[in-house]
Amino acid sequence: MAKKVVASLQTAGKSFAKVIKMDKSSKTGAYVFKEEIIPDEKVKEYFQKK
């Protein structure tokens, strides 16, 4: 019987968030999605920078 492995974003007392940012490509004009996993404290800074 196979074991199910579950990845946790909470390790060592820190909590993390998966953020997805939508940018418009300068080459094609299509939208590009960028995904990152960052600490909860940095979420606002991530979305404020260009």
Protein backbone atom coordinates (compact mmCIF):
# COMPACT_ATOMS: atom_id res chain seq x y z
CA MET A 1 0.00 0.00 0.00
CA ALA A 2 1.40 3.41 -0.98
CA LYS A 3 1.94 6.14 1.55
CA LYS A 4 0.60 9.60 0.90
CA VAL A 5 3.19 12.35 1.32
CA VAL A 6 1.88 15.80 2.21
CA ALA A 7 4.15 18.84 1.96
CA SER A 8 3.70 21.36 4.72
CA LEU A 9 4.38 25.08 4.36
CA GLN A 10 4.77 25.48 8.12
CA THR A 11 8.16 24.44 9.44
CA ALA A 12 10.17 25.52 12.48
CA GLY A 13 7.48 27.87 13.78
CA LYS A 14 7.46 30.15 10.72
CA SER A 15 4.45 30.39 8.49
CA PHE A 16 4.75 30.81 4.75
CA ALA A 17 2.35 31.85 2.02
CA LYS A 18 2.19 30.91 -1.64
CA VAL A 19 1.72 34.10 -3.64
CA ILE A 20 0.80 34.40 -7.30
CA LYS A 21 1.48 37.65 -9.15
CA MET A 22 0.13 38.45 -12.60
CA ASP A 23 2.39 40.45 -14.95
CA LYS A 24 1.96 41.45 -18.56
CA SER A 25 4.74 40.27 -20.85
CA SER A 26 6.50 43.05 -22.74
CA LYS A 27 7.31 40.73 -25.67
CA THR A 28 3.96 39.13 -26.42
CA GLY A 29 1.47 41.18 -24.43
CA ALA A 30 0.16 38.00 -22.81
CA TYR A 31 -0.23 37.66 -19.06
CA VAL A 32 2.39 35.70 -17.13
CA PHE A 33 1.83 34.27 -13.66
CA LYS A 34 4.73 34.16 -11.20
CA GLU A 35 4.41 31.90 -8.15
CA GLU A 36 6.61 32.08 -5.05
CA ILE A 37 6.56 30.82 -1.49
CA ILE A 38 7.54 33.59 0.92
CA PRO A 39 7.22 34.27 4.68
CA ASP A 40 3.94 35.87 5.80
CA GLU A 41 5.74 39.04 6.90
CA LYS A 42 6.97 39.75 3.36
CA VAL A 43 3.63 39.44 1.50
CA LYS A 44 2.80 43.16 1.44
CA GLU A 45 6.34 44.07 0.33
CA TYR A 46 6.16 41.49 -2.47
CA PHE A 47 3.01 43.00 -3.98
CA GLN A 48 4.17 46.63 -3.59
CA LYS A 49 7.41 46.26 -5.56
CA LYS A 50 7.31 46.33 -9.36
